Amino acid sequence: MRLLGGVAIRLRSEGLPAALQREYKDLDFATTRKAVGDTQMLLRDLGYDPDVAFNAMNSRERLLFYDDVHGRQVDVFVRVFRMCHEIPLESRLGVDPGTVPLAELLLTKLQIVELNEKDVRDAVALLHEHEVTEDDSGVNAARVAELCADDWGLWRTITHNLDAVASHLDVYDVDRERVAARLRRLQERIEAEPKSRGWKLRARIGERRRWYELPEEVGAGP
């Protein structure tokens, strides 16, 4: 299991300025398909109550658990993170010991078609604290570019949201030049990556057809 979401970003950002800190109500994890059974057993042993009906229907990709005492929900994404877009995770869970890699942490935030302030804040936090690199020592721009070059819809959402985050930097009392430079670096790296045949074919259709999924709201509790 590896953490993802806002808690993971906070753990990977030790020097986070006060302007980027926030409260965290839920926990999000990723795990492999093979580890689903052990993951469910572990969370039950720790006192989390499973959403039995949801888990029975969705266990190939997602599990839900609840900690009613603390008012906390636990999401476990199996193999992939799928919301507005699909971000593959399983082959990358061994990169870092505690969380999914930084590139995937950023992608899971920027894949949201309608960003809210919390998601913008988390993206800014990640890029404020970590360099954009060509490997997993920082935010792996090569990995981000590879995924975007194979999926026009993901490319469309990610590049749009990088611009959106840049346009909101004035809201935060942080090193804006540092974050802006890293946003530009990511944009340039994404655009420089050779695009797949599937990407080019989908690009011809463009926005005439919806390029994202509308994720179902879950988490009302058992």
C-alpha atoms as a PDB file:
ATOM      1  CA  MET A   1       0.000   0.000   0.000  1.00  0.00           C
ATOM      2  CA  ARG A   2       1.112   3.536  -0.771  1.00  0.00           C
ATOM      3  CA  LEU A   3      -0.461   6.835   0.228  1.00  0.00           C
ATOM      4  CA  LEU A   4      -1.787   9.230  -2.369  1.00  0.00           C
ATOM      5  CA  GLY A   5      -3.879  12.411  -2.245  1.00  0.00           C
ATOM      6  CA  GLY A   6      -3.420  15.429  -0.003  1.00  0.00           C
ATOM      7  CA  VAL A   7      -1.950  13.545   2.956  1.00  0.00           C
ATOM      8  CA  ALA A   8       0.727  12.033   0.716  1.00  0.00           C
ATOM      9  CA  ILE A   9       1.617  15.464  -0.681  1.00  0.00           C
ATOM     10  CA  ARG A  10       1.883  16.851   2.853  1.00  0.00           C
ATOM     11  CA  LEU A  11       4.191  14.025   3.918  1.00  0.00           C
ATOM     12  CA  ARG A  12       6.428  14.639   0.900  1.00  0.00           C
ATOM     13  CA  SER A  13       6.580  18.402   1.590  1.00  0.00           C
ATOM     14  CA  GLU A  14       8.413  18.874   4.880  1.00  0.00           C
ATOM     15  CA  GLY A  15       9.074  22.600   4.457  1.00  0.00           C
ATOM     16  CA  LEU A  16       5.578  23.506   3.315  1.00  0.00           C
ATOM     17  CA  PRO A  17       4.757  27.222   3.834  1.00  0.00           C
ATOM     18  CA  ALA A  18       1.769  28.034   6.029  1.00  0.00           C
ATOM     19  CA  ALA A  19      -0.072  29.432   2.990  1.00  0.00           C
ATOM     20  CA  LEU A  20      -0.211  25.938   1.475  1.00  0.00           C
ATOM     21  CA  GLN A  21      -1.185  23.931   4.544  1.00  0.00           C
ATOM     22  CA  ARG A  22      -4.751  22.680   4.996  1.00  0.00           C
ATOM     23  CA  GLU A  23      -6.828  20.154   6.909  1.00  0.00           C
ATOM     24  CA  TYR A  24      -7.098  16.569   5.715  1.00  0.00           C
ATOM     25  CA  LYS A  25     -10.292  14.647   6.379  1.00  0.00           C
ATOM     26  CA  ASP A  26      -9.766  11.435   4.410  1.00  0.00           C
ATOM     27  CA  LEU A  27      -7.040   8.942   3.607  1.00  0.00           C
ATOM     28  CA  ASP A  28      -6.283   7.627   0.127  1.00  0.00           C
ATOM     29  CA  PHE A  29      -4.149   4.616  -0.701  1.00  0.00           C
ATOM     30  CA  ALA A  30      -3.100   2.659  -3.759  1.00  0.00           C
ATOM     31  CA  THR A  31      -2.423  -1.057  -3.832  1.00  0.00           C
ATOM     32  CA  THR A  32      -1.869  -3.883  -6.282  1.00  0.00           C
ATOM     33  CA  ARG A  33      -4.519  -6.289  -7.490  1.00  0.00           C
ATOM     34  CA  LYS A  34      -2.664  -9.145  -5.825  1.00  0.00           C
ATOM     35  CA  ALA A  35      -2.739  -7.383  -2.449  1.00  0.00           C
ATOM     36  CA  VAL A  36      -6.478  -6.624  -2.348  1.00  0.00           C
ATOM     37  CA  GLY A  37      -7.297  -9.416   0.101  1.00  0.00           C
ATOM     38  CA  ASP A  38      -4.471  -8.517   2.484  1.00  0.00           C
ATOM     39  CA  THR A  39      -5.374  -4.832   2.243  1.00  0.00           C
ATOM     40  CA  GLN A  40      -8.991  -5.494   3.222  1.00  0.00           C
ATOM     41  CA  MET A  41      -7.900  -7.679   6.120  1.00  0.00           C
ATOM     42  CA  LEU A  42      -5.430  -5.071   7.363  1.00  0.00           C
ATOM     43  CA  LEU A  43      -7.958  -2.225   7.344  1.00  0.00           C
ATOM     44  CA  ARG A  44     -10.616  -4.325   9.071  1.00  0.00           C
ATOM     45  CA  ASP A  45      -8.077  -5.330  11.739  1.00  0.00           C
ATOM     46  CA  LEU A  46      -7.286  -1.632  12.262  1.00  0.00           C
ATOM     47  CA  GLY A  47     -10.951  -0.912  12.941  1.00  0.00           C
ATOM     48  CA  TYR A  48     -12.123   0.417   9.587  1.00  0.00           C
ATOM     49  CA  ASP A  49     -15.569  -0.704   8.501  1.00  0.00           C
ATOM     50  CA  PRO A  50     -15.862  -1.778   4.855  1.00  0.00           C
ATOM     51  CA  ASP A  51     -18.588  -0.537   2.526  1.00  0.00           C
ATOM     52  CA  VAL A  52     -19.616  -4.114   1.766  1.00  0.00           C
ATOM     53  CA  ALA A  53     -21.892  -3.427  -1.213  1.00  0.00           C
ATOM     54  CA  PHE A  54     -19.483  -0.978  -2.882  1.00  0.00           C
ATOM     55  CA  ASN A  55     -16.470  -3.214  -2.363  1.00  0.00           C
ATOM     56  CA  ALA A  56     -18.255  -6.266  -3.747  1.00  0.00           C
ATOM     57  CA  MET A  57     -19.036  -4.395  -6.966  1.00  0.00           C
ATOM     58  CA  ASN A  58     -15.798  -2.433  -7.374  1.00  0.00           C
ATOM     59  CA  SER A  59     -12.990  -4.417  -5.755  1.00  0.00           C
ATOM     60  CA  ARG A  60     -11.081  -4.754  -9.028  1.00  0.00           C
ATOM     61  CA  GLU A  61     -10.400  -1.004  -8.965  1.00  0.00           C
ATOM     62  CA  ARG A  62     -11.521   0.586  -5.707  1.00  0.00           C
ATOM     63  CA  LEU A  63     -12.401  -0.120  -2.079  1.00  0.00           C
ATOM     64  CA  LEU A  64     -14.089   2.046   0.557  1.00  0.00           C
ATOM     65  CA  PHE A  65     -13.730   1.916   4.332  1.00  0.00           C
ATOM     66  CA  TYR A  66     -14.969   4.159   7.145  1.00  0.00           C
ATOM     67  CA  ASP A  67     -13.668   5.219  10.532  1.00  0.00           C
ATOM     68  CA  ASP A  68     -16.871   6.464  12.151  1.00  0.00           C
ATOM     69  CA  VAL A  69     -15.146   7.398  15.414  1.00  0.00           C
ATOM     70  CA  HIS A  70     -12.995  10.010  13.669  1.00  0.00           C
ATOM     71  CA  GLY A  71     -15.378  10.772  10.802  1.00  0.00           C
ATOM     72  CA  ARG A  72     -12.826   9.582   8.277  1.00  0.00           C
ATOM     73  CA  GLN A  73     -13.160   7.805   4.951  1.00  0.00           C
ATOM     74  CA  VAL A  74     -10.476   5.589   3.454  1.00  0.00           C
ATOM     75  CA  ASP A  75     -10.298   5.098  -0.321  1.00  0.00           C
ATOM     76  CA  VAL A  76      -8.100   2.349  -1.714  1.00  0.00           C
ATOM     77  CA  PHE A  77      -7.405   2.479  -5.447  1.00  0.00           C
ATOM     78  CA  VAL A  78      -6.495  -0.886  -6.901  1.00  0.00           C
ATOM     79  CA  ARG A  79      -3.961  -0.983  -9.739  1.00  0.00           C
ATOM     80  CA  VAL A  80      -5.109   2.316 -11.260  1.00  0.00           C
ATOM     81  CA  PHE A  81      -6.441   5.687 -10.159  1.00  0.00           C
ATOM     82  CA  ARG A  82      -9.596   6.309 -12.156  1.00  0.00           C
ATOM     83  CA  MET A  83     -11.654   9.484 -11.834  1.00  0.00           C
ATOM     84  CA  CYS A  84     -11.916  11.900 -14.754  1.00  0.00           C
ATOM     85  CA  HIS A  85      -8.993  10.010 -16.328  1.00  0.00           C
ATOM     86  CA  GLU A  86      -7.122   6.799 -15.642  1.00  0.00           C
ATOM     87  CA  ILE A  87      -3.637   7.003 -14.112  1.00  0.00           C
ATOM     88  CA  PRO A  88      -1.836   3.624 -14.019  1.00  0.00           C
ATOM     89  CA  LEU A  89      -0.169   2.963 -10.671  1.00  0.00           C
ATOM     90  CA  GLU A  90       0.539  -0.728 -10.137  1.00  0.00           C
ATOM     91  CA  SER A  91       3.953  -0.928 -11.825  1.00  0.00           C
ATOM     92  CA  ARG A  92       5.088   2.234 -10.016  1.00  0.00           C
ATOM     93  CA  LEU A  93       4.221   1.408  -6.412  1.00  0.00           C
ATOM     94  CA  GLY A  94       7.775   0.267  -5.638  1.00  0.00           C
ATOM     95  CA  VAL A  95       9.393   3.598  -6.543  1.00  0.00           C
ATOM     96  CA  ASP A  96       8.954   5.253  -3.126  1.00  0.00           C
ATOM     97  CA  PRO A  97       8.446   3.576   0.258  1.00  0.00           C
ATOM     98  CA  GLY A  98       5.531   5.633   1.610  1.00  0.00           C
ATOM     99  CA  THR A  99       3.607   7.235  -1.232  1.00  0.00           C
ATOM    100  CA  VAL A 100       2.987   6.853  -4.925  1.00  0.00           C
ATOM    101  CA  PRO A 101       5.696   8.681  -6.934  1.00  0.00           C
ATOM    102  CA  LEU A 102       5.635  12.476  -7.118  1.00  0.00           C
ATOM    103  CA  ALA A 103       4.643  12.475 -10.799  1.00  0.00           C
ATOM    104  CA  GLU A 104       1.592  10.353 -10.091  1.00  0.00           C
ATOM    105  CA  LEU A 105       0.721  12.449  -7.040  1.00  0.00           C
ATOM    106  CA  LEU A 106       0.599  15.499  -9.290  1.00  0.00           C
ATOM    107  CA  LEU A 107      -1.312  13.707 -12.041  1.00  0.00           C
ATOM    108  CA  THR A 108      -4.019  12.517  -9.657  1.00  0.00           C
ATOM    109  CA  LYS A 109      -4.620  16.164  -8.738  1.00  0.00           C
ATOM    110  CA  LEU A 110      -4.411  17.628 -12.244  1.00  0.00           C
ATOM    111  CA  GLN A 111      -6.596  14.962 -13.898  1.00  0.00           C
ATOM    112  CA  ILE A 112      -9.678  16.623 -12.362  1.00  0.00           C
ATOM    113  CA  VAL A 113     -11.569  18.472 -15.082  1.00  0.00           C
ATOM    114  CA  GLU A 114     -13.021  21.068 -12.709  1.00  0.00           C
ATOM    115  CA  LEU A 115     -10.263  21.911 -10.233  1.00  0.00           C
ATOM    116  CA  ASN A 116     -11.256  23.199  -6.827  1.00  0.00           C
ATOM    117  CA  GLU A 117      -9.118  25.327  -4.508  1.00  0.00           C
ATOM    118  CA  LYS A 118      -7.948  22.312  -2.530  1.00  0.00           C
ATOM    119  CA  ASP A 119      -6.573  20.639  -5.657  1.00  0.00           C
ATOM    120  CA  VAL A 120      -4.848  23.823  -6.826  1.00  0.00           C
ATOM    121  CA  ARG A 121      -3.295  24.260  -3.381  1.00  0.00           C
ATOM    122  CA  ASP A 122      -2.002  20.678  -3.366  1.00  0.00           C
ATOM    123  CA  ALA A 123      -0.516  21.036  -6.862  1.00  0.00           C
ATOM    124  CA  VAL A 124       1.208  24.271  -5.871  1.00  0.00           C
ATOM    125  CA  ALA A 125       2.515  22.602  -2.693  1.00  0.00           C
ATOM    126  CA  LEU A 126       4.017  19.715  -4.634  1.00  0.00           C
ATOM    127  CA  LEU A 127       5.736  21.964  -7.167  1.00  0.00           C
ATOM    128  CA  HIS A 128       6.880  24.409  -4.496  1.00  0.00           C
ATOM    129  CA  GLU A 129       8.732  21.661  -2.660  1.00  0.00           C
ATOM    130  CA  HIS A 130      10.016  19.491  -5.517  1.00  0.00           C
ATOM    131  CA  GLU A 131      12.076  20.045  -8.650  1.00  0.00           C
ATOM    132  CA  VAL A 132      10.808  18.945 -12.040  1.00  0.00           C
ATOM    133  CA  THR A 133      13.264  16.262 -13.183  1.00  0.00           C
ATOM    134  CA  GLU A 134      13.717  13.528 -15.765  1.00  0.00           C
ATOM    135  CA  ASP A 135      13.588  10.777 -13.157  1.00  0.00           C
ATOM    136  CA  ASP A 136      11.894   9.956  -9.870  1.00  0.00           C
ATOM    137  CA  SER A 137      14.239  12.077  -7.770  1.00  0.00           C
ATOM    138  CA  GLY A 138      11.684  14.870  -8.275  1.00  0.00           C
ATOM    139  CA  VAL A 139       8.454  15.278 -10.218  1.00  0.00           C
ATOM    140  CA  ASN A 140       9.260  12.987 -13.119  1.00  0.00           C
ATOM    141  CA  ALA A 141       8.428  15.076 -16.202  1.00  0.00           C
ATOM    142  CA  ALA A 142       9.329  12.178 -18.488  1.00  0.00           C
ATOM    143  CA  ARG A 143       6.630  10.031 -16.871  1.00  0.00           C
ATOM    144  CA  VAL A 144       4.042  12.809 -17.071  1.00  0.00           C
ATOM    145  CA  ALA A 145       4.904  13.449 -20.726  1.00  0.00           C
ATOM    146  CA  GLU A 146       4.803   9.738 -21.574  1.00  0.00           C
ATOM    147  CA  LEU A 147       1.271   9.310 -20.243  1.00  0.00           C
ATOM    148  CA  CYS A 148       0.001  12.526 -21.846  1.00  0.00           C
ATOM    149  CA  ALA A 149       1.557  11.608 -25.210  1.00  0.00           C
ATOM    150  CA  ASP A 150      -0.429   8.386 -25.299  1.00  0.00           C
ATOM    151  CA  ASP A 151      -3.825   9.840 -24.340  1.00  0.00           C
ATOM    152  CA  TRP A 152      -5.123  13.043 -25.944  1.00  0.00           C
ATOM    153  CA  GLY A 153      -7.858  13.423 -23.348  1.00  0.00           C
ATOM    154  CA  LEU A 154      -5.389  13.250 -20.463  1.00  0.00           C
ATOM    155  CA  TRP A 155      -3.097  15.668 -22.322  1.00  0.00           C
ATOM    156  CA  ARG A 156      -5.979  18.097 -22.813  1.00  0.00           C
ATOM    157  CA  THR A 157      -6.926  18.114 -19.128  1.00  0.00           C
ATOM    158  CA  ILE A 158      -3.397  18.157 -17.701  1.00  0.00           C
ATOM    159  CA  THR A 159      -2.115  20.985 -19.922  1.00  0.00           C
ATOM    160  CA  HIS A 160      -5.231  23.043 -19.266  1.00  0.00           C
ATOM    161  CA  ASN A 161      -4.873  22.561 -15.517  1.00  0.00           C
ATOM    162  CA  LEU A 162      -1.186  23.456 -15.511  1.00  0.00           C
ATOM    163  CA  ASP A 163      -2.264  26.793 -16.998  1.00  0.00           C
ATOM    164  CA  ALA A 164      -5.065  27.061 -14.433  1.00  0.00           C
ATOM    165  CA  VAL A 165      -2.682  26.494 -11.520  1.00  0.00           C
ATOM    166  CA  ALA A 166      -0.313  29.136 -12.935  1.00  0.00           C
ATOM    167  CA  SER A 167      -3.182  31.623 -13.142  1.00  0.00           C
ATOM    168  CA  HIS A 168      -3.983  31.142  -9.442  1.00  0.00           C
ATOM    169  CA  LEU A 169      -0.464  31.541  -8.040  1.00  0.00           C
ATOM    170  CA  ASP A 170      -1.084  35.109  -6.894  1.00  0.00           C
ATOM    171  CA  VAL A 171      -3.480  33.748  -4.254  1.00  0.00           C
ATOM    172  CA  TYR A 172      -0.653  32.112  -2.288  1.00  0.00           C
ATOM    173  CA  ASP A 173       2.144  33.739  -0.329  1.00  0.00           C
ATOM    174  CA  VAL A 174       4.879  31.464  -1.653  1.00  0.00           C
ATOM    175  CA  ASP A 175       7.842  31.567  -4.027  1.00  0.00           C
ATOM    176  CA  ARG A 176       5.663  32.123  -7.091  1.00  0.00           C
ATOM    177  CA  GLU A 177       8.568  32.365  -9.522  1.00  0.00           C
ATOM    178  CA  ARG A 178       9.822  28.953  -8.468  1.00  0.00           C
ATOM    179  CA  VAL A 179       6.438  27.303  -8.964  1.00  0.00           C
ATOM    180  CA  ALA A 180       5.772  29.138 -12.240  1.00  0.00           C
ATOM    181  CA  ALA A 181       9.114  28.009 -13.645  1.00  0.00           C
ATOM    182  CA  ARG A 182       8.354  24.385 -12.760  1.00  0.00           C
ATOM    183  CA  LEU A 183       4.899  24.624 -14.320  1.00  0.00           C
ATOM    184  CA  ARG A 184       6.490  25.929 -17.528  1.00  0.00           C
ATOM    185  CA  ARG A 185       9.068  23.151 -17.458  1.00  0.00           C
ATOM    186  CA  LEU A 186       6.324  20.543 -17.260  1.00  0.00           C
ATOM    187  CA  GLN A 187       4.356  22.145 -20.094  1.00  0.00           C
ATOM    188  CA  GLU A 188       7.436  22.272 -22.312  1.00  0.00           C
ATOM    189  CA  ARG A 189       8.339  18.657 -21.552  1.00  0.00           C
ATOM    190  CA  ILE A 190       4.803  17.458 -22.315  1.00  0.00           C
ATOM    191  CA  GLU A 191       4.719  19.310 -25.627  1.00  0.00           C
ATOM    192  CA  ALA A 192       8.159  18.012 -26.641  1.00  0.00           C
ATOM    193  CA  GLU A 193       7.213  14.343 -26.192  1.00  0.00           C
ATOM    194  CA  PRO A 194       6.390  12.594 -29.504  1.00  0.00           C
ATOM    195  CA  LYS A 195       2.689  11.793 -29.589  1.00  0.00           C
ATOM    196  CA  SER A 196       1.275   8.337 -30.285  1.00  0.00           C
ATOM    197  CA  ARG A 197      -0.834   7.498 -33.325  1.00  0.00           C
ATOM    198  CA  GLY A 198      -3.860   7.129 -31.057  1.00  0.00           C
ATOM    199  CA  TRP A 199      -3.225  10.603 -29.621  1.00  0.00           C
ATOM    200  CA  LYS A 200      -3.075  12.127 -33.107  1.00  0.00           C
ATOM    201  CA  LEU A 201      -6.269  10.399 -34.232  1.00  0.00           C
ATOM    202  CA  ARG A 202      -8.142  11.533 -31.119  1.00  0.00           C
ATOM    203  CA  ALA A 203      -6.779  15.067 -31.516  1.00  0.00           C
ATOM    204  CA  ARG A 204      -8.618  15.348 -34.862  1.00  0.00           C
ATOM    205  CA  ILE A 205     -11.925  15.034 -32.995  1.00  0.00           C
ATOM    206  CA  GLY A 206     -10.827  17.405 -30.262  1.00  0.00           C
ATOM    207  CA  GLU A 207     -13.463  18.772 -27.930  1.00  0.00           C
ATOM    208  CA  ARG A 208     -16.357  17.857 -30.179  1.00  0.00           C
ATOM    209  CA  ARG A 209     -16.552  14.677 -28.111  1.00  0.00           C
ATOM    210  CA  ARG A 210     -16.138  14.557 -24.341  1.00  0.00           C
ATOM    211  CA  TRP A 211     -12.601  13.543 -23.451  1.00  0.00           C
ATOM    212  CA  TYR A 212     -13.104  12.761 -19.752  1.00  0.00           C
ATOM    213  CA  GLU A 213     -15.254  10.642 -17.472  1.00  0.00           C
ATOM    214  CA  LEU A 214     -17.714  11.990 -14.911  1.00  0.00           C
ATOM    215  CA  PRO A 215     -16.758  10.157 -11.706  1.00  0.00           C
ATOM    216  CA  GLU A 216     -19.586   8.927  -9.530  1.00  0.00           C
ATOM    217  CA  GLU A 217     -19.828  10.508  -6.104  1.00  0.00           C
ATOM    218  CA  VAL A 218     -19.267   7.948  -3.353  1.00  0.00           C
ATOM    219  CA  GLY A 219     -18.658   8.146   0.338  1.00  0.00           C
ATOM    220  CA  ALA A 220     -22.003   8.754   2.013  1.00  0.00           C
ATOM    221  CA  GLY A 221     -21.040   6.134   4.581  1.00  0.00           C
ATOM    222  CA  PRO A 222     -22.376   2.674   5.411  1.00  0.00           C
END
